[in-house]
Structures are given as C-alpha cells and as structure tokens.
Amino acid sequence: MAEKQQKEKFAFIDWFGFIIGVVVTSFLVFILIWPLIDPTPDKSSTLQENVEQLAPASK
C-alpha cells in the first residue's frame, strides 16, 4: 500500500517537471523565432545594429 502512494507521488513530480520543461523550451523557441514574427512596423534592431550602437566604431 505504501509503495502505491509513493509511486503516485513520483508520478506527480514527474508531471510537474515535464510541464516546467515544456514551458522553458517553449519560451526559448519563442525567443529564437521572435525576429521572424516581430509585429512592430519598423521591426526590432538586429544584433549587429545593437552592438554597433553600444560600441560605435572609431573613425
């Protein structure tokens, strides 16, 4: 009887961990595809443009 209760507890922990994994993975995929689906009219700056604004090239 005690073995069955412990098995159910582990099943709940596994389910909870699976949900956390799905949320984290979905978030990372969303961040990676955001530049492709950016709805703003002038789009976000590229990484190259952001780097150039932070460290302008000396002339």
C-alpha atoms as a PDB file:
ATOM      1  CA  MET A   1       0.000   0.000   0.000  1.00  0.00           C
ATOM      2  CA  ALA A   2       2.787   2.446   0.896  1.00  0.00           C
ATOM      3  CA  GLU A   3       4.534   1.595  -2.368  1.00  0.00           C
ATOM      4  CA  LYS A   4       1.470   2.665  -4.367  1.00  0.00           C
ATOM      5  CA  GLN A   5       1.291   6.060  -2.602  1.00  0.00           C
ATOM      6  CA  GLN A   6       4.981   6.679  -3.250  1.00  0.00           C
ATOM      7  CA  LYS A   7       4.581   5.771  -6.920  1.00  0.00           C
ATOM      8  CA  GLU A   8       1.738   8.284  -7.282  1.00  0.00           C
ATOM      9  CA  LYS A   9       3.855  10.980  -5.627  1.00  0.00           C
ATOM     10  CA  PHE A  10       6.704  10.389  -8.065  1.00  0.00           C
ATOM     11  CA  ALA A  11       4.234  10.469 -10.955  1.00  0.00           C
ATOM     12  CA  PHE A  12       3.067  13.920  -9.812  1.00  0.00           C
ATOM     13  CA  ILE A  13       6.678  15.138  -9.506  1.00  0.00           C
ATOM     14  CA  ASP A  14       7.466  13.778 -12.975  1.00  0.00           C
ATOM     15  CA  TRP A  15       4.383  15.509 -14.398  1.00  0.00           C
ATOM     16  CA  PHE A  16       5.344  18.794 -12.733  1.00  0.00           C
ATOM     17  CA  GLY A  17       8.904  18.568 -14.093  1.00  0.00           C
ATOM     18  CA  PHE A  18       7.590  17.782 -17.562  1.00  0.00           C
ATOM     19  CA  ILE A  19       5.355  20.881 -17.509  1.00  0.00           C
ATOM     20  CA  ILE A  20       8.280  23.067 -16.397  1.00  0.00           C
ATOM     21  CA  GLY A  21      10.394  21.629 -19.222  1.00  0.00           C
ATOM     22  CA  VAL A  22       7.685  22.339 -21.790  1.00  0.00           C
ATOM     23  CA  VAL A  23       7.294  25.939 -20.581  1.00  0.00           C
ATOM     24  CA  VAL A  24      11.043  26.627 -20.620  1.00  0.00           C
ATOM     25  CA  THR A  25      11.502  25.020 -24.039  1.00  0.00           C
ATOM     26  CA  SER A  26       8.545  26.948 -25.467  1.00  0.00           C
ATOM     27  CA  PHE A  27       9.959  30.206 -24.108  1.00  0.00           C
ATOM     28  CA  LEU A  28      13.374  29.567 -25.664  1.00  0.00           C
ATOM     29  CA  VAL A  29      11.832  28.685 -29.033  1.00  0.00           C
ATOM     30  CA  PHE A  30       9.683  31.833 -28.863  1.00  0.00           C
ATOM     31  CA  ILE A  31      12.765  33.984 -28.213  1.00  0.00           C
ATOM     32  CA  LEU A  32      14.591  32.373 -31.140  1.00  0.00           C
ATOM     33  CA  ILE A  33      11.740  32.901 -33.642  1.00  0.00           C
ATOM     34  CA  TRP A  34      10.714  36.367 -32.394  1.00  0.00           C
ATOM     35  CA  PRO A  35      12.739  38.267 -35.050  1.00  0.00           C
ATOM     36  CA  LEU A  36      10.767  36.410 -37.740  1.00  0.00           C
ATOM     37  CA  ILE A  37       7.329  37.232 -36.284  1.00  0.00           C
ATOM     38  CA  ASP A  38       8.016  40.701 -34.851  1.00  0.00           C
ATOM     39  CA  PRO A  39       4.756  42.659 -35.377  1.00  0.00           C
ATOM     40  CA  THR A  40       6.191  46.160 -34.925  1.00  0.00           C
ATOM     41  CA  PRO A  41       6.137  48.272 -38.096  1.00  0.00           C
ATOM     42  CA  ASP A  42       9.877  49.002 -38.212  1.00  0.00           C
ATOM     43  CA  LYS A  43      10.966  45.675 -36.667  1.00  0.00           C
ATOM     44  CA  SER A  44      13.476  45.276 -33.865  1.00  0.00           C
ATOM     45  CA  SER A  45      17.105  46.144 -34.389  1.00  0.00           C
ATOM     46  CA  THR A  46      19.397  43.327 -35.424  1.00  0.00           C
ATOM     47  CA  LEU A  47      22.068  42.102 -33.051  1.00  0.00           C
ATOM     48  CA  GLN A  48      24.712  43.712 -35.271  1.00  0.00           C
ATOM     49  CA  GLU A  49      22.968  47.115 -35.036  1.00  0.00           C
ATOM     50  CA  ASN A  50      22.678  46.819 -31.252  1.00  0.00           C
ATOM     51  CA  VAL A  51      26.392  46.041 -30.928  1.00  0.00           C
ATOM     52  CA  GLU A  52      27.289  48.998 -33.153  1.00  0.00           C
ATOM     53  CA  GLN A  53      25.158  51.342 -31.024  1.00  0.00           C
ATOM     54  CA  LEU A  54      26.813  50.125 -27.815  1.00  0.00           C
ATOM     55  CA  ALA A  55      30.352  50.383 -29.187  1.00  0.00           C
ATOM     56  CA  PRO A  56      30.469  52.826 -32.090  1.00  0.00           C
ATOM     57  CA  ALA A  57      33.394  52.298 -34.420  1.00  0.00           C
ATOM     58  CA  SER A  58      36.122  54.882 -34.012  1.00  0.00           C
ATOM     59  CA  LYS A  59      36.761  56.919 -37.114  1.00  0.00           C
END
